[in-house]
PDB file of all heavy atoms in Angstrom:
ATOM      1  N   LEU A   1      20.320  -7.233  -1.645  1.00  0.00           N
ATOM      2  CA  LEU A   1      19.766  -7.097  -2.981  1.00  0.00           C
ATOM      3  C   LEU A   1      18.377  -6.471  -2.955  1.00  0.00           C
ATOM      4  O   LEU A   1      17.888  -6.006  -3.949  1.00  0.00           O
ATOM      5  CB  LEU A   1      19.700  -8.461  -3.659  1.00  0.00           C
ATOM      6  CG  LEU A   1      21.052  -9.131  -3.893  1.00  0.00           C
ATOM      7  CD1 LEU A   1      20.859 -10.504  -4.495  1.00  0.00           C
ATOM      8  CD2 LEU A   1      21.914  -8.278  -4.794  1.00  0.00           C
ATOM      9  N   GLY A   2      17.734  -6.480  -1.819  1.00  0.00           N
ATOM     10  CA  GLY A   2      16.404  -5.901  -1.686  1.00  0.00           C
ATOM     11  C   GLY A   2      16.240  -5.343  -0.294  1.00  0.00           C
ATOM     12  O   GLY A   2      17.154  -5.363   0.523  1.00  0.00           O
ATOM     13  N   GLU A   3      15.056  -4.835  -0.032  1.00  0.00           N
ATOM     14  CA  GLU A   3      14.790  -4.278   1.279  1.00  0.00           C
ATOM     15  C   GLU A   3      14.704  -5.388   2.313  1.00  0.00           C
ATOM     16  O   GLU A   3      14.214  -6.486   2.042  1.00  0.00           O
ATOM     17  CB  GLU A   3      13.460  -3.521   1.272  1.00  0.00           C
ATOM     18  CG  GLU A   3      13.492  -2.268   0.463  1.00  0.00           C
ATOM     19  CD  GLU A   3      12.160  -1.527   0.539  1.00  0.00           C
ATOM     20  OE1 GLU A   3      11.162  -2.153   0.904  1.00  0.00           O
ATOM     21  OE2 GLU A   3      12.156  -0.336   0.249  1.00  0.00           O
ATOM     22  N   ALA A   4      15.189  -5.085   3.494  1.00  0.00           N
ATOM     23  CA  ALA A   4      15.097  -6.036   4.587  1.00  0.00           C
ATOM     24  C   ALA A   4      13.661  -6.093   5.077  1.00  0.00           C
ATOM     25  O   ALA A   4      12.941  -5.103   5.062  1.00  0.00           O
ATOM     26  CB  ALA A   4      16.024  -5.623   5.727  1.00  0.00           C
ATOM     27  N   ASP A   5      13.230  -7.278   5.478  1.00  0.00           N
ATOM     28  CA  ASP A   5      11.874  -7.435   5.998  1.00  0.00           C
ATOM     29  C   ASP A   5      11.779  -6.843   7.391  1.00  0.00           C
ATOM     30  O   ASP A   5      12.596  -7.121   8.254  1.00  0.00           O
ATOM     31  CB  ASP A   5      11.477  -8.903   6.042  1.00  0.00           C
ATOM     32  CG  ASP A   5      11.280  -9.495   4.659  1.00  0.00           C
ATOM     33  OD1 ASP A   5      10.954  -8.743   3.738  1.00  0.00           O
ATOM     34  OD2 ASP A   5      11.440 -10.713   4.525  1.00  0.00           O
ATOM     35  N   ASP A   6      10.797  -6.029   7.586  1.00  0.00           N
ATOM     36  CA  ASP A   6      10.527  -5.436   8.885  1.00  0.00           C
ATOM     37  C   ASP A   6       9.438  -6.262   9.553  1.00  0.00           C
ATOM     38  O   ASP A   6       8.324  -6.351   9.043  1.00  0.00           O
ATOM     39  CB  ASP A   6      10.073  -3.985   8.709  1.00  0.00           C
ATOM     40  CG  ASP A   6       9.778  -3.289  10.013  1.00  0.00           C
ATOM     41  OD1 ASP A   6       9.949  -3.894  11.089  1.00  0.00           O
ATOM     42  OD2 ASP A   6       9.368  -2.122   9.948  1.00  0.00           O
ATOM     43  N   PRO A   7       9.721  -6.895  10.701  1.00  0.00           N
ATOM     44  CA  PRO A   7       8.707  -7.741  11.326  1.00  0.00           C
ATOM     45  C   PRO A   7       7.470  -6.971  11.758  1.00  0.00           C
ATOM     46  O   PRO A   7       6.419  -7.550  11.952  1.00  0.00           O
ATOM     47  CB  PRO A   7       9.429  -8.350  12.535  1.00  0.00           C
ATOM     48  CG  PRO A   7      10.613  -7.493  12.764  1.00  0.00           C
ATOM     49  CD  PRO A   7      10.956  -6.862  11.461  1.00  0.00           C
ATOM     50  N   LEU A   8       7.577  -5.662  11.902  1.00  0.00           N
ATOM     51  CA  LEU A   8       6.420  -4.866  12.288  1.00  0.00           C
ATOM     52  C   LEU A   8       5.628  -4.381  11.082  1.00  0.00           C
ATOM     53  O   LEU A   8       4.573  -3.782  11.223  1.00  0.00           O
ATOM     54  CB  LEU A   8       6.873  -3.658  13.125  1.00  0.00           C
ATOM     55  CG  LEU A   8       7.599  -4.010  14.423  1.00  0.00           C
ATOM     56  CD1 LEU A   8       8.073  -2.757  15.110  1.00  0.00           C
ATOM     57  CD2 LEU A   8       6.701  -4.818  15.329  1.00  0.00           C
ATOM     58  N   ASN A   9       6.147  -4.632   9.888  1.00  0.00           N
ATOM     59  CA  ASN A   9       5.500  -4.163   8.664  1.00  0.00           C
ATOM     60  C   ASN A   9       4.361  -5.098   8.290  1.00  0.00           C
ATOM     61  O   ASN A   9       4.561  -6.288   8.104  1.00  0.00           O
ATOM     62  CB  ASN A   9       6.545  -4.109   7.552  1.00  0.00           C
ATOM     63  CG  ASN A   9       6.040  -3.393   6.337  1.00  0.00           C
ATOM     64  OD1 ASN A   9       4.860  -3.124   6.214  1.00  0.00           O
ATOM     65  ND2 ASN A   9       6.942  -3.092   5.439  1.00  0.00           N
ATOM     66  N   GLN A  10       3.186  -4.564   8.146  1.00  0.00           N
ATOM     67  CA  GLN A  10       2.010  -5.363   7.847  1.00  0.00           C
ATOM     68  C   GLN A  10       1.738  -5.477   6.347  1.00  0.00           C
ATOM     69  O   GLN A  10       0.799  -6.155   5.951  1.00  0.00           O
ATOM     70  CB  GLN A  10       0.784  -4.752   8.540  1.00  0.00           C
ATOM     71  CG  GLN A  10       0.911  -4.668  10.038  1.00  0.00           C
ATOM     72  CD  GLN A  10       1.097  -6.021  10.694  1.00  0.00           C
ATOM     73  OE1 GLN A  10       0.465  -6.993  10.310  1.00  0.00           O
ATOM     74  NE2 GLN A  10       1.974  -6.097  11.677  1.00  0.00           N
ATOM     75  N   ASP A  11       2.559  -4.821   5.512  1.00  0.00           N
ATOM     76  CA  ASP A  11       2.300  -4.826   4.071  1.00  0.00           C
ATOM     77  C   ASP A  11       2.334  -6.231   3.489  1.00  0.00           C
ATOM     78  O   ASP A  11       1.513  -6.571   2.644  1.00  0.00           O
ATOM     79  CB  ASP A  11       3.317  -3.961   3.344  1.00  0.00           C
ATOM     80  CG  ASP A  11       3.098  -2.483   3.607  1.00  0.00           C
ATOM     81  OD1 ASP A  11       2.061  -2.115   4.185  1.00  0.00           O
ATOM     82  OD2 ASP A  11       3.979  -1.700   3.227  1.00  0.00           O
ATOM     83  N   LYS A  12       3.262  -7.051   3.942  1.00  0.00           N
ATOM     84  CA  LYS A  12       3.381  -8.402   3.400  1.00  0.00           C
ATOM     85  C   LYS A  12       2.131  -9.207   3.713  1.00  0.00           C
ATOM     86  O   LYS A  12       1.608  -9.905   2.854  1.00  0.00           O
ATOM     87  CB  LYS A  12       4.625  -9.078   3.983  1.00  0.00           C
ATOM     88  CG  LYS A  12       4.862 -10.458   3.432  1.00  0.00           C
ATOM     89  CD  LYS A  12       6.121 -11.073   3.999  1.00  0.00           C
ATOM     90  CE  LYS A  12       6.320 -12.471   3.466  1.00  0.00           C
ATOM     91  NZ  LYS A  12       7.442 -13.141   4.076  1.00  0.00           N
ATOM     92  N   ASP A  13       1.641  -9.100   4.954  1.00  0.00           N
ATOM     93  CA  ASP A  13       0.424  -9.816   5.328  1.00  0.00           C
ATOM     94  C   ASP A  13      -0.761  -9.348   4.507  1.00  0.00           C
ATOM     95  O   ASP A  13      -1.596 -10.145   4.084  1.00  0.00           O
ATOM     96  CB  ASP A  13       0.124  -9.635   6.819  1.00  0.00           C
ATOM     97  CG  ASP A  13       1.160 -10.311   7.698  1.00  0.00           C
ATOM     98  OD1 ASP A  13       1.807 -11.260   7.237  1.00  0.00           O
ATOM     99  OD2 ASP A  13       1.304  -9.891   8.856  1.00  0.00           O
ATOM    100  N   LEU A  14      -0.854  -8.054   4.265  1.00  0.00           N
ATOM    101  CA  LEU A  14      -1.950  -7.500   3.481  1.00  0.00           C
ATOM    102  C   LEU A  14      -1.902  -8.030   2.055  1.00  0.00           C
ATOM    103  O   LEU A  14      -2.921  -8.436   1.502  1.00  0.00           O
ATOM    104  CB  LEU A  14      -1.873  -5.972   3.479  1.00  0.00           C
ATOM    105  CG  LEU A  14      -2.996  -5.238   2.775  1.00  0.00           C
ATOM    106  CD1 LEU A  14      -4.309  -5.460   3.507  1.00  0.00           C
ATOM    107  CD2 LEU A  14      -2.689  -3.761   2.703  1.00  0.00           C
ATOM    108  N   ARG A  15      -0.702  -8.051   1.458  1.00  0.00           N
ATOM    109  CA  ARG A  15      -0.560  -8.544   0.087  1.00  0.00           C
ATOM    110  C   ARG A  15      -0.895 -10.031   0.014  1.00  0.00           C
ATOM    111  O   ARG A  15      -1.593 -10.467  -0.900  1.00  0.00           O
ATOM    112  CB  ARG A  15       0.852  -8.298  -0.427  1.00  0.00           C
ATOM    113  CG  ARG A  15       1.022  -8.642  -1.898  1.00  0.00           C
ATOM    114  CD  ARG A  15       2.454  -8.462  -2.371  1.00  0.00           C
ATOM    115  NE  ARG A  15       2.921  -7.110  -2.316  1.00  0.00           N
ATOM    116  CZ  ARG A  15       2.855  -6.254  -3.333  1.00  0.00           C
ATOM    117  NH1 ARG A  15       2.320  -6.626  -4.469  1.00  0.00           N
ATOM    118  NH2 ARG A  15       3.318  -5.044  -3.211  1.00  0.00           N
ATOM    119  N   GLU A  16      -0.428 -10.828   0.974  1.00  0.00           N
ATOM    120  CA  GLU A  16      -0.699 -12.260   0.950  1.00  0.00           C
ATOM    121  C   GLU A  16      -2.167 -12.571   1.192  1.00  0.00           C
ATOM    122  O   GLU A  16      -2.728 -13.472   0.589  1.00  0.00           O
ATOM    123  CB  GLU A  16       0.157 -12.972   1.998  1.00  0.00           C
ATOM    124  CG  GLU A  16       1.611 -13.045   1.642  1.00  0.00           C
ATOM    125  CD  GLU A  16       2.464 -13.675   2.735  1.00  0.00           C
ATOM    126  OE1 GLU A  16       1.942 -14.001   3.816  1.00  0.00           O
ATOM    127  OE2 GLU A  16       3.661 -13.827   2.481  1.00  0.00           O
ATOM    128  N   LYS A  17      -2.801 -11.806   2.055  1.00  0.00           N
ATOM    129  CA  LYS A  17      -4.195 -12.075   2.418  1.00  0.00           C
ATOM    130  C   LYS A  17      -5.166 -11.671   1.317  1.00  0.00           C
ATOM    131  O   LYS A  17      -6.112 -12.383   1.037  1.00  0.00           O
ATOM    132  CB  LYS A  17      -4.546 -11.335   3.712  1.00  0.00           C
ATOM    133  CG  LYS A  17      -5.932 -11.625   4.219  1.00  0.00           C
ATOM    134  CD  LYS A  17      -6.176 -10.932   5.541  1.00  0.00           C
ATOM    135  CE  LYS A  17      -7.590 -11.183   6.027  1.00  0.00           C
ATOM    136  NZ  LYS A  17      -7.874 -10.455   7.247  1.00  0.00           N
ATOM    137  N   HIS A  18      -4.915 -10.519   0.664  1.00  0.00           N
ATOM    138  CA  HIS A  18      -5.902  -9.990  -0.266  1.00  0.00           C
ATOM    139  C   HIS A  18      -5.430  -9.874  -1.701  1.00  0.00           C
ATOM    140  O   HIS A  18      -6.220  -9.512  -2.566  1.00  0.00           O
ATOM    141  CB  HIS A  18      -6.379  -8.617   0.210  1.00  0.00           C
ATOM    142  CG  HIS A  18      -7.029  -8.666   1.543  1.00  0.00           C
ATOM    143  ND1 HIS A  18      -8.258  -9.249   1.745  1.00  0.00           N
ATOM    144  CD2 HIS A  18      -6.625  -8.236   2.751  1.00  0.00           C
ATOM    145  CE1 HIS A  18      -8.590  -9.155   3.008  1.00  0.00           C
ATOM    146  NE2 HIS A  18      -7.609  -8.559   3.644  1.00  0.00           N
ATOM    147  N   GLY A  19      -4.165 -10.080  -1.971  1.00  0.00           N
ATOM    148  CA  GLY A  19      -3.689 -10.023  -3.345  1.00  0.00           C
ATOM    149  C   GLY A  19      -3.089  -8.681  -3.713  1.00  0.00           C
ATOM    150  O   GLY A  19      -3.169  -7.703  -2.976  1.00  0.00           O
ATOM    151  N   ASP A  20      -2.502  -8.662  -4.896  1.00  0.00           N
ATOM    152  CA  ASP A  20      -1.781  -7.481  -5.370  1.00  0.00           C
ATOM    153  C   ASP A  20      -2.695  -6.287  -5.617  1.00  0.00           C
ATOM    154  O   ASP A  20      -2.328  -5.155  -5.343  1.00  0.00           O
ATOM    155  CB  ASP A  20      -1.019  -7.805  -6.652  1.00  0.00           C
ATOM    156  CG  ASP A  20       0.137  -8.753  -6.387  1.00  0.00           C
ATOM    157  OD1 ASP A  20       0.670  -8.764  -5.272  1.00  0.00           O
ATOM    158  OD2 ASP A  20       0.502  -9.476  -7.329  1.00  0.00           O
ATOM    159  N   PHE A  21      -3.896  -6.527  -6.141  1.00  0.00           N
ATOM    160  CA  PHE A  21      -4.785  -5.409  -6.464  1.00  0.00           C
ATOM    161  C   PHE A  21      -5.145  -4.631  -5.209  1.00  0.00           C
ATOM    162  O   PHE A  21      -5.092  -3.402  -5.184  1.00  0.00           O
ATOM    163  CB  PHE A  21      -6.054  -5.923  -7.146  1.00  0.00           C
ATOM    164  CG  PHE A  21      -7.087  -4.853  -7.318  1.00  0.00           C
ATOM    165  CD1 PHE A  21      -6.958  -3.901  -8.308  1.00  0.00           C
ATOM    166  CD2 PHE A  21      -8.172  -4.776  -6.467  1.00  0.00           C
ATOM    167  CE1 PHE A  21      -7.891  -2.904  -8.457  1.00  0.00           C
ATOM    168  CE2 PHE A  21      -9.107  -3.788  -6.601  1.00  0.00           C
ATOM    169  CZ  PHE A  21      -8.976  -2.847  -7.596  1.00  0.00           C
ATOM    170  N   VAL A  22      -5.531  -5.333  -4.150  1.00  0.00           N
ATOM    171  CA  VAL A  22      -5.915  -4.674  -2.901  1.00  0.00           C
ATOM    172  C   VAL A  22      -4.729  -3.906  -2.330  1.00  0.00           C
ATOM    173  O   VAL A  22      -4.851  -2.741  -1.952  1.00  0.00           O
ATOM    174  CB  VAL A  22      -6.442  -5.708  -1.881  1.00  0.00           C
ATOM    175  CG1 VAL A  22      -6.685  -5.080  -0.534  1.00  0.00           C
ATOM    176  CG2 VAL A  22      -7.712  -6.363  -2.396  1.00  0.00           C
ATOM    177  N   TYR A  23      -3.582  -4.540  -2.296  1.00  0.00           N
ATOM    178  CA  TYR A  23      -2.383  -3.907  -1.750  1.00  0.00           C
ATOM    179  C   TYR A  23      -2.022  -2.649  -2.544  1.00  0.00           C
ATOM    180  O   TYR A  23      -1.793  -1.582  -1.973  1.00  0.00           O
ATOM    181  CB  TYR A  23      -1.224  -4.898  -1.778  1.00  0.00           C
ATOM    182  CG  TYR A  23       0.074  -4.300  -1.325  1.00  0.00           C
ATOM    183  CD1 TYR A  23       0.364  -4.147   0.027  1.00  0.00           C
ATOM    184  CD2 TYR A  23       1.013  -3.863  -2.245  1.00  0.00           C
ATOM    185  CE1 TYR A  23       1.556  -3.580   0.434  1.00  0.00           C
ATOM    186  CE2 TYR A  23       2.207  -3.301  -1.844  1.00  0.00           C
ATOM    187  CZ  TYR A  23       2.466  -3.167  -0.504  1.00  0.00           C
ATOM    188  OH  TYR A  23       3.639  -2.600  -0.102  1.00  0.00           O
ATOM    189  N   ASP A  24      -2.000  -2.761  -3.878  1.00  0.00           N
ATOM    190  CA  ASP A  24      -1.634  -1.611  -4.717  1.00  0.00           C
ATOM    191  C   ASP A  24      -2.638  -0.468  -4.577  1.00  0.00           C
ATOM    192  O   ASP A  24      -2.261   0.702  -4.548  1.00  0.00           O
ATOM    193  CB  ASP A  24      -1.526  -2.033  -6.180  1.00  0.00           C
ATOM    194  CG  ASP A  24      -0.356  -2.967  -6.433  1.00  0.00           C
ATOM    195  OD1 ASP A  24       0.574  -2.998  -5.588  1.00  0.00           O
ATOM    196  OD2 ASP A  24      -0.366  -3.673  -7.453  1.00  0.00           O
ATOM    197  N   THR A  25      -3.918  -0.795  -4.476  1.00  0.00           N
ATOM    198  CA  THR A  25      -4.938   0.242  -4.344  1.00  0.00           C
ATOM    199  C   THR A  25      -4.791   0.986  -3.033  1.00  0.00           C
ATOM    200  O   THR A  25      -4.898   2.214  -2.985  1.00  0.00           O
ATOM    201  CB  THR A  25      -6.344  -0.368  -4.464  1.00  0.00           C
ATOM    202  OG1 THR A  25      -6.430  -1.081  -5.693  1.00  0.00           O
ATOM    203  CG2 THR A  25      -7.413   0.697  -4.418  1.00  0.00           C
ATOM    204  N   ILE A  26      -4.525   0.267  -1.956  1.00  0.00           N
ATOM    205  CA  ILE A  26      -4.329   0.913  -0.656  1.00  0.00           C
ATOM    206  C   ILE A  26      -3.098   1.807  -0.699  1.00  0.00           C
ATOM    207  O   ILE A  26      -3.126   2.946  -0.230  1.00  0.00           O
ATOM    208  CB  ILE A  26      -4.227  -0.128   0.480  1.00  0.00           C
ATOM    209  CG1 ILE A  26      -5.592  -0.764   0.720  1.00  0.00           C
ATOM    210  CG2 ILE A  26      -3.694   0.497   1.757  1.00  0.00           C
ATOM    211  CD1 ILE A  26      -5.570  -1.913   1.687  1.00  0.00           C
ATOM    212  N   LYS A  27      -2.019   1.328  -1.272  1.00  0.00           N
ATOM    213  CA  LYS A  27      -0.801   2.122  -1.346  1.00  0.00           C
ATOM    214  C   LYS A  27      -1.011   3.383  -2.197  1.00  0.00           C
ATOM    215  O   LYS A  27      -0.531   4.454  -1.850  1.00  0.00           O
ATOM    216  CB  LYS A  27       0.364   1.296  -1.907  1.00  0.00           C
ATOM    217  CG  LYS A  27       0.862   0.272  -0.920  1.00  0.00           C
ATOM    218  CD  LYS A  27       1.324   0.972   0.334  1.00  0.00           C
ATOM    219  CE  LYS A  27       1.547   0.034   1.459  1.00  0.00           C
ATOM    220  NZ  LYS A  27       1.727   0.678   2.737  1.00  0.00           N
ATOM    221  N   LYS A  28      -1.729   3.254  -3.307  1.00  0.00           N
ATOM    222  CA  LYS A  28      -2.005   4.422  -4.145  1.00  0.00           C
ATOM    223  C   LYS A  28      -2.858   5.435  -3.394  1.00  0.00           C
ATOM    224  O   LYS A  28      -2.638   6.637  -3.486  1.00  0.00           O
ATOM    225  CB  LYS A  28      -2.720   4.011  -5.426  1.00  0.00           C
ATOM    226  CG  LYS A  28      -1.821   3.387  -6.449  1.00  0.00           C
ATOM    227  CD  LYS A  28      -2.612   2.979  -7.681  1.00  0.00           C
ATOM    228  CE  LYS A  28      -1.775   2.156  -8.620  1.00  0.00           C
ATOM    229  NZ  LYS A  28      -2.556   1.648  -9.745  1.00  0.00           N
ATOM    230  N   SER A  29      -3.851   4.948  -2.657  1.00  0.00           N
ATOM    231  CA  SER A  29      -4.725   5.879  -1.938  1.00  0.00           C
ATOM    232  C   SER A  29      -3.968   6.564  -0.801  1.00  0.00           C
ATOM    233  O   SER A  29      -4.267   7.698  -0.459  1.00  0.00           O
ATOM    234  CB  SER A  29      -5.960   5.154  -1.403  1.00  0.00           C
ATOM    235  OG  SER A  29      -5.617   4.281  -0.351  1.00  0.00           O
ATOM    236  N   GLN A  30      -2.986   5.898  -0.217  1.00  0.00           N
ATOM    237  CA  GLN A  30      -2.205   6.517   0.850  1.00  0.00           C
ATOM    238  C   GLN A  30      -1.241   7.554   0.302  1.00  0.00           C
ATOM    239  O   GLN A  30      -0.925   8.522   0.976  1.00  0.00           O
ATOM    240  CB  GLN A  30      -1.425   5.447   1.618  1.00  0.00           C
ATOM    241  CG  GLN A  30      -2.309   4.570   2.469  1.00  0.00           C
ATOM    242  CD  GLN A  30      -1.548   3.408   3.087  1.00  0.00           C
ATOM    243  OE1 GLN A  30      -0.423   3.096   2.698  1.00  0.00           O
ATOM    244  NE2 GLN A  30      -2.167   2.761   4.045  1.00  0.00           N
ATOM    245  N   LYS A  31      -0.774   7.370  -0.936  1.00  0.00           N
ATOM    246  CA  LYS A  31       0.190   8.300  -1.520  1.00  0.00           C
ATOM    247  C   LYS A  31      -0.469   9.546  -2.095  1.00  0.00           C
ATOM    248  O   LYS A  31       0.174  10.567  -2.232  1.00  0.00           O
ATOM    249  CB  LYS A  31       0.986   7.604  -2.634  1.00  0.00           C
ATOM    250  CG  LYS A  31       1.969   6.599  -2.117  1.00  0.00           C
ATOM    251  CD  LYS A  31       2.712   5.944  -3.249  1.00  0.00           C
ATOM    252  CE  LYS A  31       3.640   4.866  -2.734  1.00  0.00           C
ATOM    253  NZ  LYS A  31       4.323   4.170  -3.805  1.00  0.00           N
ATOM    254  N   SER A  32      -1.737   9.451  -2.459  1.00  0.00           N
ATOM    255  CA  SER A  32      -2.378  10.611  -3.085  1.00  0.00           C
ATOM    256  C   SER A  32      -2.645  11.688  -2.050  1.00  0.00           C
ATOM    257  O   SER A  32      -2.900  11.417  -0.894  1.00  0.00           O
ATOM    258  CB  SER A  32      -3.680  10.188  -3.762  1.00  0.00           C
ATOM    259  OG  SER A  32      -4.613   9.786  -2.792  1.00  0.00           O
ATOM    260  N   SER A  33      -2.583  12.909  -2.505  1.00  0.00           N
ATOM    261  CA  SER A  33      -2.813  14.029  -1.593  1.00  0.00           C
ATOM    262  C   SER A  33      -4.305  14.252  -1.414  1.00  0.00           C
ATOM    263  O   SER A  33      -5.097  13.909  -2.279  1.00  0.00           O
ATOM    264  CB  SER A  33      -2.164  15.295  -2.152  1.00  0.00           C
ATOM    265  OG  SER A  33      -2.893  15.741  -3.267  1.00  0.00           O
ATOM    266  N   PRO A  34      -4.716  14.830  -0.275  1.00  0.00           N
ATOM    267  CA  PRO A  34      -6.135  15.093  -0.054  1.00  0.00           C
ATOM    268  C   PRO A  34      -6.726  16.012  -1.120  1.00  0.00           C
ATOM    269  O   PRO A  34      -7.879  15.874  -1.488  1.00  0.00           O
ATOM    270  CB  PRO A  34      -6.167  15.767   1.317  1.00  0.00           C
ATOM    271  CG  PRO A  34      -4.889  15.378   1.985  1.00  0.00           C
ATOM    272  CD  PRO A  34      -3.902  15.164   0.883  1.00  0.00           C
ATOM    273  N   LEU A  35      -5.926  16.955  -1.644  1.00  0.00           N
ATOM    274  CA  LEU A  35      -6.441  17.868  -2.657  1.00  0.00           C
ATOM    275  C   LEU A  35      -6.736  17.158  -3.971  1.00  0.00           C
ATOM    276  O   LEU A  35      -7.679  17.517  -4.671  1.00  0.00           O
ATOM    277  CB  LEU A  35      -5.456  19.011  -2.893  1.00  0.00           C
ATOM    278  CG  LEU A  35      -5.294  19.997  -1.740  1.00  0.00           C
ATOM    279  CD1 LEU A  35      -4.246  21.036  -2.080  1.00  0.00           C
ATOM    280  CD2 LEU A  35      -6.623  20.663  -1.419  1.00  0.00           C
ATOM    281  N   SER A  36      -5.954  16.123  -4.287  1.00  0.00           N
ATOM    282  CA  SER A  36      -6.203  15.430  -5.554  1.00  0.00           C
ATOM    283  C   SER A  36      -7.544  14.715  -5.516  1.00  0.00           C
ATOM    284  O   SER A  36      -8.223  14.607  -6.528  1.00  0.00           O
ATOM    285  CB  SER A  36      -5.077  14.445  -5.864  1.00  0.00           C
ATOM    286  OG  SER A  36      -5.082  13.376  -4.940  1.00  0.00           O
ATOM    287  N   ASN A  37      -7.954  14.205  -4.358  1.00  0.00           N
ATOM    288  CA  ASN A  37      -9.261  13.559  -4.252  1.00  0.00           C
ATOM    289  C   ASN A  37     -10.392  14.567  -4.397  1.00  0.00           C
ATOM    290  O   ASN A  37     -11.433  14.257  -4.958  1.00  0.00           O
ATOM    291  CB  ASN A  37      -9.396  12.823  -2.912  1.00  0.00           C
ATOM    292  CG  ASN A  37      -8.594  11.551  -2.878  1.00  0.00           C
ATOM    293  OD1 ASN A  37      -8.208  11.037  -3.920  1.00  0.00           O
ATOM    294  ND2 ASN A  37      -8.333  11.045  -1.702  1.00  0.00           N
ATOM    295  N   ILE A  38     -10.206  15.769  -3.898  1.00  0.00           N
ATOM    296  CA  ILE A  38     -11.258  16.780  -3.979  1.00  0.00           C
ATOM    297  C   ILE A  38     -11.428  17.248  -5.413  1.00  0.00           C
ATOM    298  O   ILE A  38     -12.532  17.324  -5.931  1.00  0.00           O
ATOM    299  CB  ILE A  38     -10.922  17.987  -3.061  1.00  0.00           C
ATOM    300  CG1 ILE A  38     -11.002  17.551  -1.605  1.00  0.00           C
ATOM    301  CG2 ILE A  38     -11.866  19.147  -3.337  1.00  0.00           C
ATOM    302  CD1 ILE A  38     -10.462  18.578  -0.633  1.00  0.00           C
ATOM    303  N   PHE A  39     -10.316  17.538  -6.084  1.00  0.00           N
ATOM    304  CA  PHE A  39     -10.399  18.120  -7.413  1.00  0.00           C
ATOM    305  C   PHE A  39     -10.569  17.084  -8.516  1.00  0.00           C
ATOM    306  O   PHE A  39     -11.257  17.325  -9.485  1.00  0.00           O
ATOM    307  CB  PHE A  39      -9.166  18.979  -7.696  1.00  0.00           C
ATOM    308  CG  PHE A  39      -9.111  20.183  -6.813  1.00  0.00           C
ATOM    309  CD1 PHE A  39      -8.087  20.345  -5.893  1.00  0.00           C
ATOM    310  CD2 PHE A  39     -10.092  21.157  -6.874  1.00  0.00           C
ATOM    311  CE1 PHE A  39      -8.041  21.458  -5.070  1.00  0.00           C
ATOM    312  CE2 PHE A  39     -10.054  22.272  -6.051  1.00  0.00           C
ATOM    313  CZ  PHE A  39      -9.026  22.420  -5.140  1.00  0.00           C
ATOM    314  N   ALA A  40      -9.951  15.929  -8.371  1.00  0.00           N
ATOM    315  CA  ALA A  40     -10.005  14.947  -9.447  1.00  0.00           C
ATOM    316  C   ALA A  40     -11.218  14.051  -9.358  1.00  0.00           C
ATOM    317  O   ALA A  40     -11.591  13.407 -10.324  1.00  0.00           O
ATOM    318  CB  ALA A  40      -8.734  14.095  -9.438  1.00  0.00           C
TER     319      ALA A  40
END
């Protein structure tokens, strides 16, 4: 019904340790392209 947990995946630990805002912000910054940071 959902994604299988990857024991090597650190995302769960990051979300539990710092909360949803920190996790979402890191994920958004990783998805954005380098050009969007320069121009936007």
